[in-house]
Amino acid sequence: MQRVLLISDVTAPGGVGTHMVQLATVAEREEWTVQVVLDDARGNAEMVSLMRQSGITVRTEPLYHGRNSADVVERVTMNTIEEFAPDIVHVHCGSLRGSLFCREAIVRSGMPLIFTDHYVANDVLYDDRTMERLRWLHGAALHVVSICDEGKRLLREHFKICYDNQVVVPYGVRLSKRITVPTVTTEYPLRTPPPISLYCDW
């Protein structure tokens, strides 16, 4: 049975956490063993509760770079990897710089890393050293996932981060077989969208 570790340092509920719930749920359905690690921010309490109610194994640790040093984040990351012994780690980044210390520790450990850039902003400037670190990480990862074509384009054209490992998976997971999930209907006078298909390609 494959083991996957999902990590994020986001500090509040939103699209990143929701996507991680979907990934974890579908991976477990495919008989993967999944563990999720989120930042221990108070704002994540609701997401942690939702994950636990969904049967997902989740824990919180000091991961956010704005409150924790590189040493703390790296130690937590490596301890988690040692305890859980995953086959692969998938890090979810709320920004291009998100989970930077965590991703660096994973790459240096030799553990296969996938990460998803959930939000790539074209109005953010990073210093040269940070850009050097980001380009190194993008090149060292097994896969770098953008959630839309625009995100991938911004990486390549705006930030000059161009590698063959960049893929676009529009907020979904690719599975060995197709699973159709019913869509949520709304009260808005909109055309009913087709069912959502989830895919996973770990």
C-alpha atoms as a PDB file:
ATOM      1  CA  MET A   1       0.000   0.000   0.000  1.00  0.00           C
ATOM      2  CA  GLN A   2       1.367   3.396  -1.015  1.00  0.00           C
ATOM      3  CA  ARG A   3       1.823   6.100   1.600  1.00  0.00           C
ATOM      4  CA  VAL A   4       1.428   9.802   0.822  1.00  0.00           C
ATOM      5  CA  LEU A   5       2.074  12.750   3.098  1.00  0.00           C
ATOM      6  CA  LEU A   6       0.158  15.961   2.328  1.00  0.00           C
ATOM      7  CA  ILE A   7       1.569  19.140   3.894  1.00  0.00           C
ATOM      8  CA  SER A   8       0.636  22.821   3.836  1.00  0.00           C
ATOM      9  CA  ASP A   9       1.581  25.881   5.854  1.00  0.00           C
ATOM     10  CA  VAL A  10      -1.588  27.827   4.979  1.00  0.00           C
ATOM     11  CA  THR A  11      -3.051  29.416   8.106  1.00  0.00           C
ATOM     12  CA  ALA A  12      -6.769  29.689   7.314  1.00  0.00           C
ATOM     13  CA  PRO A  13      -9.502  27.667   5.588  1.00  0.00           C
ATOM     14  CA  GLY A  14      -9.994  28.090   1.851  1.00  0.00           C
ATOM     15  CA  GLY A  15      -9.358  26.462  -1.496  1.00  0.00           C
ATOM     16  CA  VAL A  16      -6.048  24.844  -0.525  1.00  0.00           C
ATOM     17  CA  GLY A  17      -7.558  22.986   2.423  1.00  0.00           C
ATOM     18  CA  THR A  18     -10.656  22.005   0.470  1.00  0.00           C
ATOM     19  CA  HIS A  19      -8.490  20.607  -2.299  1.00  0.00           C
ATOM     20  CA  MET A  20      -6.421  18.645   0.218  1.00  0.00           C
ATOM     21  CA  VAL A  21      -9.621  17.108   1.634  1.00  0.00           C
ATOM     22  CA  GLN A  22     -10.598  16.003  -1.870  1.00  0.00           C
ATOM     23  CA  LEU A  23      -7.157  14.553  -2.585  1.00  0.00           C
ATOM     24  CA  ALA A  24      -6.968  12.707   0.724  1.00  0.00           C
ATOM     25  CA  THR A  25     -10.485  11.314   0.393  1.00  0.00           C
ATOM     26  CA  VAL A  26      -9.942  10.010  -3.121  1.00  0.00           C
ATOM     27  CA  ALA A  27      -6.466   8.652  -2.318  1.00  0.00           C
ATOM     28  CA  GLU A  28      -7.872   6.681   0.622  1.00  0.00           C
ATOM     29  CA  ARG A  29     -10.630   5.356  -1.616  1.00  0.00           C
ATOM     30  CA  GLU A  30      -7.840   4.096  -3.873  1.00  0.00           C
ATOM     31  CA  GLU A  31      -6.343   2.368  -0.799  1.00  0.00           C
ATOM     32  CA  TRP A  32      -3.466   4.756  -0.229  1.00  0.00           C
ATOM     33  CA  THR A  33      -2.447   5.498   3.344  1.00  0.00           C
ATOM     34  CA  VAL A  34      -2.701   9.247   3.797  1.00  0.00           C
ATOM     35  CA  GLN A  35      -1.550  11.648   6.476  1.00  0.00           C
ATOM     36  CA  VAL A  36      -2.172  15.406   6.369  1.00  0.00           C
ATOM     37  CA  VAL A  37      -0.075  17.940   8.262  1.00  0.00           C
ATOM     38  CA  LEU A  38      -1.311  21.541   8.534  1.00  0.00           C
ATOM     39  CA  ASP A  39       0.069  24.584  10.270  1.00  0.00           C
ATOM     40  CA  ASP A  40      -1.023  24.884  13.894  1.00  0.00           C
ATOM     41  CA  ALA A  41      -2.642  28.302  13.351  1.00  0.00           C
ATOM     42  CA  ARG A  42      -5.940  28.837  15.148  1.00  0.00           C
ATOM     43  CA  GLY A  43      -7.503  29.627  11.763  1.00  0.00           C
ATOM     44  CA  ASN A  44      -7.036  26.010  10.666  1.00  0.00           C
ATOM     45  CA  ALA A  45      -9.218  24.547  13.441  1.00  0.00           C
ATOM     46  CA  GLU A  46     -12.288  24.344  11.215  1.00  0.00           C
ATOM     47  CA  MET A  47     -10.392  22.606   8.415  1.00  0.00           C
ATOM     48  CA  VAL A  48      -8.784  20.156  10.835  1.00  0.00           C
ATOM     49  CA  SER A  49     -12.217  19.340  12.253  1.00  0.00           C
ATOM     50  CA  LEU A  50     -13.640  18.794   8.753  1.00  0.00           C
ATOM     51  CA  MET A  51     -10.781  16.468   7.843  1.00  0.00           C
ATOM     52  CA  ARG A  52     -11.200  14.425  11.003  1.00  0.00           C
ATOM     53  CA  GLN A  53     -14.945  14.158  10.446  1.00  0.00           C
ATOM     54  CA  SER A  54     -14.139  12.858   6.955  1.00  0.00           C
ATOM     55  CA  GLY A  55     -11.932  10.157   8.463  1.00  0.00           C
ATOM     56  CA  ILE A  56      -8.664  11.760   7.351  1.00  0.00           C
ATOM     57  CA  THR A  57      -5.638  11.432   9.617  1.00  0.00           C
ATOM     58  CA  VAL A  58      -4.484  15.000  10.257  1.00  0.00           C
ATOM     59  CA  ARG A  59      -2.185  16.720  12.716  1.00  0.00           C
ATOM     60  CA  THR A  60      -1.018  20.269  13.200  1.00  0.00           C
ATOM     61  CA  GLU A  61       2.544  21.451  13.555  1.00  0.00           C
ATOM     62  CA  PRO A  62       4.429  24.789  13.516  1.00  0.00           C
ATOM     63  CA  LEU A  63       4.977  25.161   9.771  1.00  0.00           C
ATOM     64  CA  TYR A  64       4.251  28.756   8.787  1.00  0.00           C
ATOM     65  CA  HIS A  65       7.445  30.676   7.982  1.00  0.00           C
ATOM     66  CA  GLY A  66       5.978  33.930   9.295  1.00  0.00           C
ATOM     67  CA  ARG A  67       5.951  32.567  12.866  1.00  0.00           C
ATOM     68  CA  ASN A  68       8.556  29.822  12.843  1.00  0.00           C
ATOM     69  CA  SER A  69      12.242  29.655  12.030  1.00  0.00           C
ATOM     70  CA  ALA A  70      13.692  27.499   9.278  1.00  0.00           C
ATOM     71  CA  ASP A  71      15.192  25.211  11.942  1.00  0.00           C
ATOM     72  CA  VAL A  72      11.806  24.593  13.575  1.00  0.00           C
ATOM     73  CA  VAL A  73       9.998  23.932  10.282  1.00  0.00           C
ATOM     74  CA  GLU A  74      12.748  21.654   8.978  1.00  0.00           C
ATOM     75  CA  ARG A  75      12.846  19.668  12.231  1.00  0.00           C
ATOM     76  CA  VAL A  76       9.059  19.197  12.209  1.00  0.00           C
ATOM     77  CA  THR A  77       9.115  18.199   8.538  1.00  0.00           C
ATOM     78  CA  MET A  78      11.878  15.628   8.962  1.00  0.00           C
ATOM     79  CA  ASN A  79      10.368  14.194  12.163  1.00  0.00           C
ATOM     80  CA  THR A  80       7.048  13.758  10.367  1.00  0.00           C
ATOM     81  CA  ILE A  81       8.722  11.997   7.441  1.00  0.00           C
ATOM     82  CA  GLU A  82      10.657   9.729   9.775  1.00  0.00           C
ATOM     83  CA  GLU A  83       7.535   8.792  11.758  1.00  0.00           C
ATOM     84  CA  PHE A  84       5.148   8.322   8.824  1.00  0.00           C
ATOM     85  CA  ALA A  85       7.663   6.942   6.278  1.00  0.00           C
ATOM     86  CA  PRO A  86       5.815   8.129   3.145  1.00  0.00           C
ATOM     87  CA  ASP A  87       6.573   7.002  -0.381  1.00  0.00           C
ATOM     88  CA  ILE A  88       5.999  10.539  -1.596  1.00  0.00           C
ATOM     89  CA  VAL A  89       5.280  13.995  -0.170  1.00  0.00           C
ATOM     90  CA  HIS A  90       2.832  16.415  -1.777  1.00  0.00           C
ATOM     91  CA  VAL A  91       3.150  19.980  -0.481  1.00  0.00           C
ATOM     92  CA  HIS A  92       0.387  22.513  -1.100  1.00  0.00           C
ATOM     93  CA  CYS A  93       1.560  26.117  -1.355  1.00  0.00           C
ATOM     94  CA  GLY A  94      -0.794  29.032  -0.791  1.00  0.00           C
ATOM     95  CA  SER A  95       1.737  31.268  -2.542  1.00  0.00           C
ATOM     96  CA  LEU A  96       4.834  30.773  -4.642  1.00  0.00           C
ATOM     97  CA  ARG A  97       6.976  31.131  -1.498  1.00  0.00           C
ATOM     98  CA  GLY A  98       4.657  29.009   0.664  1.00  0.00           C
ATOM     99  CA  SER A  99       6.133  26.094   2.631  1.00  0.00           C
ATOM    100  CA  LEU A 100       9.589  27.120   1.429  1.00  0.00           C
ATOM    101  CA  PHE A 101      11.544  25.741   4.428  1.00  0.00           C
ATOM    102  CA  CYS A 102       9.498  22.563   4.361  1.00  0.00           C
ATOM    103  CA  ARG A 103      10.056  21.927   0.645  1.00  0.00           C
ATOM    104  CA  GLU A 104      13.787  22.573   0.938  1.00  0.00           C
ATOM    105  CA  ALA A 105      14.078  20.041   3.759  1.00  0.00           C
ATOM    106  CA  ILE A 106      12.182  17.418   1.751  1.00  0.00           C
ATOM    107  CA  VAL A 107      14.351  17.850  -1.340  1.00  0.00           C
ATOM    108  CA  ARG A 108      17.552  17.701   0.699  1.00  0.00           C
ATOM    109  CA  SER A 109      16.341  14.481   2.335  1.00  0.00           C
ATOM    110  CA  GLY A 110      16.010  12.785  -1.059  1.00  0.00           C
ATOM    111  CA  MET A 111      12.284  12.111  -0.556  1.00  0.00           C
ATOM    112  CA  PRO A 112      10.266  12.397  -3.805  1.00  0.00           C
ATOM    113  CA  LEU A 113       8.415  15.733  -3.759  1.00  0.00           C
ATOM    114  CA  ILE A 114       5.379  16.980  -5.628  1.00  0.00           C
ATOM    115  CA  PHE A 115       4.084  20.430  -4.877  1.00  0.00           C
ATOM    116  CA  THR A 116       1.140  22.463  -6.054  1.00  0.00           C
ATOM    117  CA  ASP A 117       1.372  26.218  -6.559  1.00  0.00           C
ATOM    118  CA  HIS A 118      -2.224  27.106  -5.723  1.00  0.00           C
ATOM    119  CA  TYR A 119      -1.744  30.831  -6.271  1.00  0.00           C
ATOM    120  CA  VAL A 120       0.849  32.523  -8.467  1.00  0.00           C
ATOM    121  CA  ALA A 121       0.610  36.311  -8.314  1.00  0.00           C
ATOM    122  CA  ASN A 122       2.220  38.508 -10.959  1.00  0.00           C
ATOM    123  CA  ASP A 123       2.350  41.564  -8.686  1.00  0.00           C
ATOM    124  CA  VAL A 124       4.706  40.061  -6.091  1.00  0.00           C
ATOM    125  CA  LEU A 125       8.445  40.657  -6.226  1.00  0.00           C
ATOM    126  CA  TYR A 126      10.953  38.364  -4.541  1.00  0.00           C
ATOM    127  CA  ASP A 127      14.588  39.142  -3.869  1.00  0.00           C
ATOM    128  CA  ASP A 128      17.274  37.411  -5.924  1.00  0.00           C
ATOM    129  CA  ARG A 129      18.138  34.895  -3.208  1.00  0.00           C
ATOM    130  CA  THR A 130      14.502  33.838  -2.789  1.00  0.00           C
ATOM    131  CA  MET A 131      14.120  33.464  -6.553  1.00  0.00           C
ATOM    132  CA  GLU A 132      17.257  31.341  -6.664  1.00  0.00           C
ATOM    133  CA  ARG A 133      15.789  29.057  -3.972  1.00  0.00           C
ATOM    134  CA  LEU A 134      12.417  28.861  -5.750  1.00  0.00           C
ATOM    135  CA  ARG A 135      13.999  27.972  -9.086  1.00  0.00           C
ATOM    136  CA  TRP A 136      16.094  25.274  -7.394  1.00  0.00           C
ATOM    137  CA  LEU A 137      12.997  23.794  -5.749  1.00  0.00           C
ATOM    138  CA  HIS A 138      10.982  23.825  -8.955  1.00  0.00           C
ATOM    139  CA  GLY A 139      13.782  22.047 -10.763  1.00  0.00           C
ATOM    140  CA  ALA A 140      14.335  19.479  -8.015  1.00  0.00           C
ATOM    141  CA  ALA A 141      10.701  18.407  -7.582  1.00  0.00           C
ATOM    142  CA  LEU A 142       9.288  15.291  -9.193  1.00  0.00           C
ATOM    143  CA  HIS A 143       6.304  17.327 -10.401  1.00  0.00           C
ATOM    144  CA  VAL A 144       5.222  20.939  -9.998  1.00  0.00           C
ATOM    145  CA  VAL A 145       1.469  21.326 -10.343  1.00  0.00           C
ATOM    146  CA  SER A 146      -0.215  24.513 -11.477  1.00  0.00           C
ATOM    147  CA  ILE A 147      -3.975  24.679 -11.020  1.00  0.00           C
ATOM    148  CA  CYS A 148      -4.511  26.504 -14.324  1.00  0.00           C
ATOM    149  CA  ASP A 149      -2.711  27.361 -17.548  1.00  0.00           C
ATOM    150  CA  GLU A 150      -2.327  30.958 -16.396  1.00  0.00           C
ATOM    151  CA  GLY A 151      -0.416  29.865 -13.293  1.00  0.00           C
ATOM    152  CA  LYS A 152       2.013  27.842 -15.400  1.00  0.00           C
ATOM    153  CA  ARG A 153       2.383  30.741 -17.840  1.00  0.00           C
ATOM    154  CA  LEU A 154       3.197  33.157 -15.012  1.00  0.00           C
ATOM    155  CA  LEU A 155       5.827  30.766 -13.646  1.00  0.00           C
ATOM    156  CA  ARG A 156       7.487  30.555 -17.029  1.00  0.00           C
ATOM    157  CA  GLU A 157       7.131  34.103 -18.327  1.00  0.00           C
ATOM    158  CA  HIS A 158       6.978  36.321 -15.241  1.00  0.00           C
ATOM    159  CA  PHE A 159       9.231  34.380 -12.866  1.00  0.00           C
ATOM    160  CA  LYS A 160      11.384  32.618 -15.512  1.00  0.00           C
ATOM    161  CA  ILE A 161      10.840  29.235 -13.851  1.00  0.00           C
ATOM    162  CA  CYS A 162      10.796  26.773 -16.755  1.00  0.00           C
ATOM    163  CA  TYR A 163      11.140  23.033 -16.242  1.00  0.00           C
ATOM    164  CA  ASP A 164       9.741  19.936 -17.955  1.00  0.00           C
ATOM    165  CA  ASN A 165       8.240  18.730 -14.655  1.00  0.00           C
ATOM    166  CA  GLN A 166       5.561  21.462 -14.688  1.00  0.00           C
ATOM    167  CA  VAL A 167       2.035  20.154 -15.237  1.00  0.00           C
ATOM    168  CA  VAL A 168      -1.431  21.687 -15.121  1.00  0.00           C
ATOM    169  CA  VAL A 169      -4.085  19.857 -13.124  1.00  0.00           C
ATOM    170  CA  PRO A 170      -7.131  22.104 -12.797  1.00  0.00           C
ATOM    171  CA  TYR A 171      -8.027  21.504  -9.156  1.00  0.00           C
ATOM    172  CA  GLY A 172      -8.456  17.801  -9.541  1.00  0.00           C
ATOM    173  CA  VAL A 173      -6.825  14.474  -8.929  1.00  0.00           C
ATOM    174  CA  ARG A 174      -6.115  11.845 -11.559  1.00  0.00           C
ATOM    175  CA  LEU A 175      -6.928   8.247 -10.790  1.00  0.00           C
ATOM    176  CA  SER A 176      -6.201   4.943 -12.436  1.00  0.00           C
ATOM    177  CA  LYS A 177      -9.909   4.846 -13.256  1.00  0.00           C
ATOM    178  CA  ARG A 178     -12.488   7.575 -13.649  1.00  0.00           C
ATOM    179  CA  ILE A 179     -14.617   8.459 -10.634  1.00  0.00           C
ATOM    180  CA  THR A 180     -17.551  10.777 -11.138  1.00  0.00           C
ATOM    181  CA  VAL A 181     -18.614  12.954  -8.240  1.00  0.00           C
ATOM    182  CA  PRO A 182     -22.055  14.617  -8.251  1.00  0.00           C
ATOM    183  CA  THR A 183     -21.923  18.381  -8.583  1.00  0.00           C
ATOM    184  CA  VAL A 184     -23.269  20.696  -5.943  1.00  0.00           C
ATOM    185  CA  THR A 185     -26.351  22.507  -7.210  1.00  0.00           C
ATOM    186  CA  THR A 186     -26.916  26.169  -6.426  1.00  0.00           C
ATOM    187  CA  GLU A 187     -29.922  28.475  -6.234  1.00  0.00           C
ATOM    188  CA  TYR A 188     -28.368  30.812  -8.766  1.00  0.00           C
ATOM    189  CA  PRO A 189     -29.969  30.888 -12.218  1.00  0.00           C
ATOM    190  CA  LEU A 190     -26.967  29.260 -13.811  1.00  0.00           C
ATOM    191  CA  ARG A 191     -26.738  26.338 -16.168  1.00  0.00           C
ATOM    192  CA  THR A 192     -26.187  23.151 -14.172  1.00  0.00           C
ATOM    193  CA  PRO A 193     -22.539  22.188 -14.677  1.00  0.00           C
ATOM    194  CA  PRO A 194     -21.564  18.635 -15.625  1.00  0.00           C
ATOM    195  CA  PRO A 195     -20.338  16.240 -12.913  1.00  0.00           C
ATOM    196  CA  ILE A 196     -16.823  16.867 -11.687  1.00  0.00           C
ATOM    197  CA  SER A 197     -14.276  14.201 -12.487  1.00  0.00           C
ATOM    198  CA  LEU A 198     -11.360  13.841 -10.107  1.00  0.00           C
ATOM    199  CA  TYR A 199      -7.964  12.573 -11.201  1.00  0.00           C
ATOM    200  CA  CYS A 200      -4.769  11.727  -9.345  1.00  0.00           C
ATOM    201  CA  ASP A 201      -1.328  11.075 -10.824  1.00  0.00           C
ATOM    202  CA  TRP A 202       1.073  10.386  -7.944  1.00  0.00           C
END
